[in-house]
């Protein structure tokens, strides 16, 4: 095994999800966030559409995003489904995060490129970012809860109807983010050799 493969393998195998309350509030240098976004920009893309887009919240804007997210939840959730504990959870999701990044797919101008491929390309960009974060010792959480997929979130972010939010990324540092990973289905059950 060559050194590059070993390094990539190690990063992939040690990437873990760290829930936002486990973050410690320590700030990530802005230049490292830029480096992560540069890695994201190297995702594969059919037709060079480069559909990935990122809205980065830092400093006081992290709390502002969480406040706006919770207000969106309160306004858009029918009374019988509204949960005060969910409101509180969303409000405090970013309390210990250094940065929040909303990742979305911006539909390109080539209608021949299927939407699924644009979503896949954006997902690859997100994975590049998360792997880079792991390599830098940054903890991450790819969240899809709350109002992430609700049309009102697109409106709040001023996205177009054809754009799709793929997640809310919470980044920061944690004392114990590297718990043991697992796979529940053996690889042999996921692969057919012909």
Protein backbone atom coordinates (compact mmCIF):
# COMPACT_ATOMS: atom_id res chain seq x y z
CA UNK A 1 0.00 0.00 0.00
CA UNK A 2 1.44 3.41 -0.90
CA UNK A 3 1.56 6.32 1.54
CA UNK A 4 -1.11 8.40 -0.19
CA UNK A 5 -3.62 5.54 -0.15
CA UNK A 6 -2.82 4.86 3.51
CA UNK A 7 -3.40 8.50 4.41
CA UNK A 8 -6.68 8.75 2.51
CA UNK A 9 -7.84 5.43 3.95
CA UNK A 10 -7.06 6.60 7.49
CA UNK A 11 -8.99 9.86 7.03
CA UNK A 12 -12.02 8.10 5.52
CA UNK A 13 -12.09 5.39 8.20
CA UNK A 14 -11.76 7.85 11.09
CA UNK A 15 -14.32 10.46 9.97
CA UNK A 16 -17.10 10.55 12.55
CA UNK A 17 -20.23 12.51 13.24
CA UNK A 18 -20.01 14.66 16.35
CA UNK A 19 -23.33 16.05 17.56
CA UNK A 20 -23.22 19.82 18.15
CA UNK A 21 -23.70 19.68 21.96
CA UNK A 22 -20.41 17.72 22.17
CA UNK A 23 -18.47 20.58 20.59
CA UNK A 24 -16.40 22.71 22.97
CA UNK A 25 -16.85 26.24 21.59
CA UNK A 26 -13.27 26.65 20.38
CA UNK A 27 -13.07 28.68 17.15
CA UNK A 28 -11.71 27.36 13.86
CA UNK A 29 -9.33 29.73 12.05
CA UNK A 30 -11.05 31.31 9.02
CA UNK A 31 -8.24 30.15 6.74
CA UNK A 32 -9.01 26.52 7.61
CA UNK A 33 -12.67 27.01 6.70
CA UNK A 34 -11.47 28.41 3.37
CA UNK A 35 -9.24 25.35 2.89
CA UNK A 36 -12.22 23.06 3.51
CA UNK A 37 -14.33 24.96 0.98
CA UNK A 38 -11.47 24.68 -1.53
CA UNK A 39 -11.49 20.88 -1.05
CA UNK A 40 -15.25 20.83 -1.54
CA UNK A 41 -14.77 22.66 -4.81
CA UNK A 42 -12.89 19.65 -6.24
CA UNK A 43 -15.90 17.32 -6.22
CA UNK A 44 -16.75 15.46 -9.43
CA UNK A 45 -19.21 17.30 -11.64
CA UNK A 46 -20.96 16.24 -14.86
CA UNK A 47 -20.77 18.92 -17.53
CA UNK A 48 -18.68 21.12 -15.21
CA UNK A 49 -21.87 22.52 -13.67
CA UNK A 50 -20.27 22.71 -10.18
CA UNK A 51 -23.67 22.87 -8.46
CA UNK A 52 -22.45 23.01 -4.85
CA UNK A 53 -22.99 26.20 -2.93
CA UNK A 54 -22.24 27.07 0.69
CA UNK A 55 -23.52 29.76 3.03
CA UNK A 56 -21.04 30.16 5.89
CA UNK A 57 -22.07 31.52 9.28
CA UNK A 58 -19.32 32.56 11.72
CA UNK A 59 -19.10 34.57 14.93
CA UNK A 60 -22.39 36.14 16.01
CA UNK A 61 -24.04 34.98 12.77
CA UNK A 62 -24.04 31.38 14.10
CA UNK A 63 -26.49 32.30 16.87
CA UNK A 64 -28.47 34.46 14.45
CA UNK A 65 -28.90 31.52 12.05
CA UNK A 66 -30.10 29.31 14.93
CA UNK A 67 -32.57 31.98 16.03
CA UNK A 68 -33.93 32.37 12.49
CA UNK A 69 -34.10 28.58 12.10
CA UNK A 70 -36.16 28.22 15.28
CA UNK A 71 -38.49 31.04 14.33
CA UNK A 72 -39.02 29.33 10.99
CA UNK A 73 -39.88 26.12 12.84
CA UNK A 74 -42.33 27.99 15.08
CA UNK A 75 -44.04 29.77 12.16
CA UNK A 76 -44.25 26.81 9.79
CA UNK A 77 -45.15 23.96 12.15
CA UNK A 78 -48.86 23.24 12.72
CA UNK A 79 -49.85 23.70 16.35
CA UNK A 80 -50.60 19.99 16.85
CA UNK A 81 -47.08 19.04 15.67
CA UNK A 82 -45.14 21.83 17.37
CA UNK A 83 -42.75 20.62 20.11
CA UNK A 84 -41.25 23.19 22.51
CA UNK A 85 -38.29 20.85 23.18
CA UNK A 86 -37.52 20.74 19.45
CA UNK A 87 -37.64 24.53 19.36
CA UNK A 88 -35.11 24.67 22.22
CA UNK A 89 -32.89 22.06 20.58
CA UNK A 90 -32.78 23.98 17.30
CA UNK A 91 -32.17 27.25 19.14
CA UNK A 92 -29.10 25.85 20.90
CA UNK A 93 -27.66 23.63 18.13
CA UNK A 94 -24.97 26.19 17.37
CA UNK A 95 -24.11 27.21 20.92
CA UNK A 96 -20.74 25.42 20.81
CA UNK A 97 -20.17 25.41 17.05
CA UNK A 98 -17.46 27.55 15.53
CA UNK A 99 -19.15 27.70 12.13
CA UNK A 100 -22.40 26.63 10.53
CA UNK A 101 -22.42 25.99 6.80
CA UNK A 102 -25.64 25.51 4.86
CA UNK A 103 -24.84 23.33 1.83
CA UNK A 104 -27.16 23.41 -1.12
CA UNK A 105 -27.39 22.32 -4.73
CA UNK A 106 -27.79 25.22 -7.14
CA UNK A 107 -29.44 23.82 -10.24
CA UNK A 108 -27.28 24.57 -13.26
CA UNK A 109 -28.22 25.85 -16.67
CA UNK A 110 -27.80 22.50 -18.44
CA UNK A 111 -31.22 20.81 -18.31
CA UNK A 112 -29.72 17.64 -19.85
CA UNK A 113 -27.87 17.05 -16.55
CA UNK A 114 -30.28 15.11 -14.29
CA UNK A 115 -31.12 16.70 -10.93
CA UNK A 116 -29.93 13.50 -9.24
CA UNK A 117 -26.44 14.04 -10.64
CA UNK A 118 -26.38 17.61 -9.34
CA UNK A 119 -27.42 16.37 -5.89
CA UNK A 120 -24.75 13.64 -6.04
CA UNK A 121 -22.06 16.16 -7.02
CA UNK A 122 -23.04 18.44 -4.13
CA UNK A 123 -23.01 15.48 -1.75
CA UNK A 124 -19.48 14.66 -2.94
CA UNK A 125 -18.46 18.26 -2.26
CA UNK A 126 -19.86 17.95 1.27
CA UNK A 127 -17.96 14.69 1.81
CA UNK A 128 -14.74 16.35 0.62
CA UNK A 129 -15.31 19.10 3.18
CA UNK A 130 -16.03 16.61 5.98
CA UNK A 131 -12.95 14.51 5.18
CA UNK A 132 -10.82 17.64 5.13
CA UNK A 133 -12.25 18.60 8.52
CA UNK A 134 -11.28 15.18 9.89
CA UNK A 135 -7.74 15.59 8.57
CA UNK A 136 -7.50 18.96 10.37
CA UNK A 137 -8.87 17.61 13.65
CA UNK A 138 -12.17 19.47 13.23
CA UNK A 139 -15.35 17.80 14.44
CA UNK A 140 -18.38 17.89 12.16
CA UNK A 141 -22.09 17.16 12.01
CA UNK A 142 -24.13 16.97 8.80
CA UNK A 143 -27.62 17.88 9.99
CA UNK A 144 -30.84 17.47 8.09
CA UNK A 145 -33.32 18.11 10.88
CA UNK A 146 -35.50 21.00 11.76
CA UNK A 147 -36.48 23.00 8.71
CA UNK A 148 -33.48 22.03 6.55
CA UNK A 149 -35.62 20.54 3.77
CA UNK A 150 -38.68 22.74 4.21
CA UNK A 151 -39.52 25.19 1.38
CA UNK A 152 -39.50 28.00 3.96
CA UNK A 153 -35.78 27.40 4.54
CA UNK A 154 -35.12 28.02 0.85
CA UNK A 155 -37.12 31.22 1.12
CA UNK A 156 -35.21 32.32 4.22
CA UNK A 157 -31.91 31.71 2.40
CA UNK A 158 -33.20 33.41 -0.77
CA UNK A 159 -32.68 30.31 -2.88
CA UNK A 160 -34.50 29.58 -6.09
CA UNK A 161 -37.31 27.02 -6.24
CA UNK A 162 -35.13 24.56 -8.18
CA UNK A 163 -32.28 24.73 -5.64
CA UNK A 164 -32.13 22.07 -2.92
CA UNK A 165 -30.72 22.35 0.61
CA UNK A 166 -28.72 19.19 1.34
CA UNK A 167 -27.85 19.88 4.93
CA UNK A 168 -26.66 22.13 7.69
CA UNK A 169 -23.05 21.47 8.67
CA UNK A 170 -21.94 22.27 12.22
CA UNK A 171 -18.16 22.54 12.60
CA UNK A 172 -16.01 22.95 15.68
CA UNK A 173 -13.73 21.11 18.03
CA UNK A 174 -14.54 18.37 20.52
CA UNK A 175 -12.61 16.63 23.24
CA UNK A 176 -13.83 13.13 22.35
CA UNK A 177 -15.09 13.06 18.78
CA UNK A 178 -13.40 9.86 17.59
CA UNK A 179 -15.72 7.12 18.84
CA UNK A 180 -15.43 3.70 17.26
CA UNK A 181 -17.05 3.38 13.86
CA UNK A 182 -19.24 0.50 12.72
CA UNK A 183 -20.95 -0.97 9.71
CA UNK A 184 -23.98 -3.17 10.30
CA UNK A 185 -24.08 -4.93 6.93
CA UNK A 186 -20.98 -6.84 5.76
CA UNK A 187 -19.41 -5.52 2.57
CA UNK A 188 -19.85 -8.95 0.98
CA UNK A 189 -23.63 -8.38 1.09
CA UNK A 190 -23.31 -5.03 -0.71
CA UNK A 191 -21.12 -6.11 -3.62
CA UNK A 192 -21.76 -8.44 -6.56
CA UNK A 193 -18.64 -9.46 -8.48
CA UNK A 194 -19.26 -10.36 -12.12
